[in-house]
Structures are given as structure tokens and as C-alpha cells.
């Protein structure tokens, strides 16, 4: 795949500094990308290919999850 853009590499692909506190976890069988914030985690992205997983409000992007389940 070739990507033609005038945007800087950091804006298109993100910087490594941003992703240091991000992890991939499974919540009820749904793979999620979360960002760690102390005792809580914020859902950044749903990594599932199942369309029904995107309708679940508990794992929607922007939701806050408790970390006790993911240690």
C-alpha cells in the first residue's frame, strides 16, 4: 500500500511517545485498545471485526473501565 500525503509522518502514524501507556485487552471477548490512567483505563478503540461489538455501550470508545479486572 502506498500512502501519498503532505502530512508529517508523526501525524499519520502517531508518535511512539503517545502509545507508551496503551495496551490491548479483552473485555467479555471484545478486543480493545485502552489507555492507562492510574487506577482506571479509557477505551481508545474497539479492535473487533464483529459489528455487534460496536453497539455495546460498556466498551464504547471514551468509556472508563476499572483496572482490577485487567491485572
N, C-alpha and C. Protein backbone atom coordinates (compact mmCIF):
# COMPACT_ATOMS: atom_id res chain seq x y z
N UNK A 1 0.84 -1.17 0.00
CA UNK A 1 0.00 0.00 0.00
C UNK A 1 0.89 1.24 0.00
N UNK A 2 0.55 2.20 -0.83
CA UNK A 2 1.29 3.45 -0.90
C UNK A 2 0.38 4.57 -0.39
N UNK A 3 0.91 5.38 0.49
CA UNK A 3 0.15 6.48 1.05
C UNK A 3 0.77 7.79 0.60
N UNK A 4 0.05 8.54 -0.19
CA UNK A 4 0.52 9.84 -0.66
C UNK A 4 -0.11 10.92 0.22
N UNK A 5 0.71 11.64 0.96
CA UNK A 5 0.19 12.69 1.83
C UNK A 5 1.26 13.74 2.06
N UNK A 6 0.81 14.95 2.35
CA UNK A 6 1.72 16.04 2.69
C UNK A 6 1.88 16.16 4.20
N UNK A 7 1.11 15.36 4.95
CA UNK A 7 1.14 15.43 6.41
C UNK A 7 2.44 14.82 6.92
N UNK A 8 2.94 15.32 8.05
CA UNK A 8 4.15 14.74 8.65
C UNK A 8 3.90 13.29 9.09
N UNK A 9 4.96 12.51 9.09
CA UNK A 9 4.90 11.10 9.47
C UNK A 9 4.29 10.92 10.86
N UNK A 10 4.59 11.81 11.81
CA UNK A 10 4.10 11.69 13.17
C UNK A 10 2.58 11.85 13.25
N UNK A 11 2.01 12.69 12.39
CA UNK A 11 0.56 12.89 12.41
C UNK A 11 -0.18 11.71 11.79
N UNK A 12 0.39 11.10 10.77
CA UNK A 12 -0.27 10.00 10.09
C UNK A 12 -0.18 8.72 10.92
N UNK A 13 0.99 8.39 11.41
CA UNK A 13 1.20 7.12 12.11
C UNK A 13 1.25 7.25 13.62
N UNK A 14 1.22 8.46 14.17
CA UNK A 14 1.30 8.65 15.61
C UNK A 14 2.73 8.55 16.08
N UNK A 15 2.99 9.09 17.23
CA UNK A 15 4.35 9.02 17.76
C UNK A 15 4.44 7.90 18.79
N UNK A 16 5.62 7.40 19.00
CA UNK A 16 5.83 6.32 19.96
C UNK A 16 5.62 6.81 21.39
N UNK A 17 5.81 8.09 21.64
CA UNK A 17 5.62 8.63 22.98
C UNK A 17 4.16 8.54 23.41
N UNK A 18 3.21 8.69 22.50
CA UNK A 18 1.79 8.62 22.82
C UNK A 18 1.38 7.21 23.26
N UNK A 19 1.94 6.22 22.63
CA UNK A 19 1.45 4.86 22.80
C UNK A 19 2.10 4.10 23.94
N UNK A 20 2.93 4.72 24.75
CA UNK A 20 3.61 4.00 25.81
C UNK A 20 2.65 3.54 26.91
N UNK A 21 1.56 4.26 27.13
CA UNK A 21 0.63 3.86 28.19
C UNK A 21 -0.62 3.19 27.62
N UNK A 22 -0.56 2.68 26.40
CA UNK A 22 -1.69 2.00 25.78
C UNK A 22 -1.45 0.49 25.75
N UNK A 23 -2.54 -0.26 25.93
CA UNK A 23 -2.46 -1.71 25.95
C UNK A 23 -3.68 -2.30 25.24
N UNK A 24 -3.52 -3.51 24.78
CA UNK A 24 -4.64 -4.24 24.19
C UNK A 24 -5.13 -5.25 25.21
N UNK A 25 -6.43 -5.22 25.50
CA UNK A 25 -7.04 -6.15 26.45
C UNK A 25 -8.32 -6.70 25.84
N UNK A 26 -8.79 -7.82 26.39
CA UNK A 26 -10.08 -8.40 26.01
C UNK A 26 -11.05 -8.18 27.15
N UNK A 27 -12.20 -7.59 26.84
CA UNK A 27 -13.26 -7.38 27.82
C UNK A 27 -14.49 -8.12 27.31
N UNK A 28 -14.88 -9.18 28.02
CA UNK A 28 -16.01 -10.01 27.62
C UNK A 28 -15.86 -10.50 26.19
N UNK A 29 -14.66 -10.84 25.78
CA UNK A 29 -14.40 -11.36 24.45
C UNK A 29 -14.23 -10.31 23.36
N UNK A 30 -14.26 -9.03 23.74
CA UNK A 30 -14.11 -7.94 22.77
C UNK A 30 -12.70 -7.35 22.92
N UNK A 31 -11.87 -7.43 21.88
CA UNK A 31 -10.54 -6.84 21.97
C UNK A 31 -10.61 -5.31 21.91
N UNK A 32 -9.96 -4.66 22.88
CA UNK A 32 -9.99 -3.20 22.99
C UNK A 32 -8.59 -2.65 23.12
N UNK A 33 -8.39 -1.44 22.64
CA UNK A 33 -7.17 -0.68 22.89
C UNK A 33 -7.51 0.33 23.97
N UNK A 34 -6.82 0.24 25.11
CA UNK A 34 -7.11 1.13 26.24
C UNK A 34 -5.89 1.98 26.55
N UNK A 35 -6.14 3.10 27.20
CA UNK A 35 -5.08 3.99 27.67
C UNK A 35 -5.12 4.00 29.18
N UNK A 36 -4.00 3.67 29.80
CA UNK A 36 -3.92 3.57 31.25
C UNK A 36 -3.86 4.97 31.87
N UNK A 37 -4.70 5.20 32.89
CA UNK A 37 -4.71 6.45 33.64
C UNK A 37 -4.79 6.14 35.12
N UNK A 38 -3.66 5.76 35.70
CA UNK A 38 -3.64 5.44 37.12
C UNK A 38 -4.44 4.19 37.43
N UNK A 39 -5.53 4.34 38.16
CA UNK A 39 -6.37 3.21 38.57
C UNK A 39 -7.44 2.88 37.54
N UNK A 40 -7.59 3.69 36.51
CA UNK A 40 -8.64 3.48 35.52
C UNK A 40 -8.05 3.38 34.13
N UNK A 41 -8.84 2.90 33.20
CA UNK A 41 -8.43 2.79 31.80
C UNK A 41 -9.52 3.37 30.92
N UNK A 42 -9.12 4.13 29.93
CA UNK A 42 -10.07 4.73 29.00
C UNK A 42 -10.02 3.96 27.69
N UNK A 43 -11.18 3.59 27.16
CA UNK A 43 -11.25 2.86 25.89
C UNK A 43 -10.93 3.83 24.76
N UNK A 44 -9.92 3.49 23.97
CA UNK A 44 -9.49 4.31 22.84
C UNK A 44 -10.10 3.80 21.55
N UNK A 45 -10.07 2.46 21.36
CA UNK A 45 -10.52 1.90 20.09
C UNK A 45 -11.01 0.48 20.29
N UNK A 46 -12.04 0.09 19.54
CA UNK A 46 -12.51 -1.29 19.51
C UNK A 46 -11.78 -1.99 18.37
N UNK A 47 -11.11 -3.09 18.66
CA UNK A 47 -10.30 -3.79 17.68
C UNK A 47 -11.02 -5.01 17.08
N UNK A 48 -12.29 -5.15 17.33
CA UNK A 48 -13.06 -6.30 16.87
C UNK A 48 -13.52 -6.11 15.42
N UNK A 49 -13.78 -7.22 14.74
CA UNK A 49 -14.35 -7.17 13.41
C UNK A 49 -15.84 -7.51 13.42
N UNK A 50 -16.38 -7.80 14.59
CA UNK A 50 -17.79 -8.11 14.73
C UNK A 50 -18.59 -6.81 14.87
N UNK A 51 -19.51 -6.52 13.96
CA UNK A 51 -20.28 -5.27 14.03
C UNK A 51 -21.11 -5.14 15.32
N UNK A 52 -21.53 -6.24 15.90
CA UNK A 52 -22.34 -6.18 17.13
C UNK A 52 -21.53 -5.66 18.32
N UNK A 53 -20.20 -5.83 18.30
CA UNK A 53 -19.37 -5.34 19.40
C UNK A 53 -19.37 -3.81 19.47
N UNK A 54 -19.64 -3.15 18.37
CA UNK A 54 -19.65 -1.69 18.35
C UNK A 54 -20.93 -1.11 18.95
N UNK A 55 -21.95 -1.94 19.17
CA UNK A 55 -23.20 -1.48 19.75
C UNK A 55 -23.22 -1.56 21.27
N UNK A 56 -22.22 -2.20 21.88
CA UNK A 56 -22.14 -2.35 23.33
C UNK A 56 -21.66 -1.04 23.95
N UNK A 57 -22.51 -0.40 24.74
CA UNK A 57 -22.17 0.89 25.35
C UNK A 57 -21.12 0.78 26.45
N UNK A 58 -20.97 -0.39 27.06
CA UNK A 58 -19.98 -0.56 28.13
C UNK A 58 -18.55 -0.50 27.62
N UNK A 59 -18.34 -0.90 26.36
CA UNK A 59 -16.99 -0.90 25.79
C UNK A 59 -16.84 0.11 24.67
N UNK A 60 -17.69 1.12 24.63
CA UNK A 60 -17.62 2.13 23.58
C UNK A 60 -16.41 3.04 23.82
N UNK A 61 -15.80 3.55 22.76
CA UNK A 61 -14.68 4.48 22.92
C UNK A 61 -15.07 5.68 23.79
N UNK A 62 -14.18 6.01 24.71
CA UNK A 62 -14.43 7.11 25.65
C UNK A 62 -14.89 6.63 27.01
N UNK A 63 -15.35 5.38 27.11
CA UNK A 63 -15.80 4.83 28.39
C UNK A 63 -14.60 4.56 29.30
N UNK A 64 -14.83 4.63 30.59
CA UNK A 64 -13.80 4.37 31.59
C UNK A 64 -14.03 3.00 32.20
N UNK A 65 -12.96 2.19 32.27
CA UNK A 65 -13.03 0.85 32.84
C UNK A 65 -12.18 0.77 34.10
N UNK A 66 -12.57 -0.08 35.02
CA UNK A 66 -11.77 -0.32 36.23
C UNK A 66 -10.65 -1.29 35.92
N UNK A 67 -9.46 -1.04 36.44
CA UNK A 67 -8.29 -1.88 36.14
C UNK A 67 -8.24 -3.16 36.95
N UNK A 68 -9.05 -3.33 37.95
CA UNK A 68 -8.98 -4.53 38.79
C UNK A 68 -9.25 -5.79 37.97
N UNK A 69 -10.00 -5.67 36.88
CA UNK A 69 -10.31 -6.82 36.04
C UNK A 69 -9.17 -7.18 35.10
N UNK A 70 -8.20 -6.29 34.89
CA UNK A 70 -7.19 -6.49 33.86
C UNK A 70 -5.78 -6.67 34.41
N UNK A 71 -5.64 -6.90 35.71
CA UNK A 71 -4.30 -7.08 36.28
C UNK A 71 -3.85 -8.49 36.17
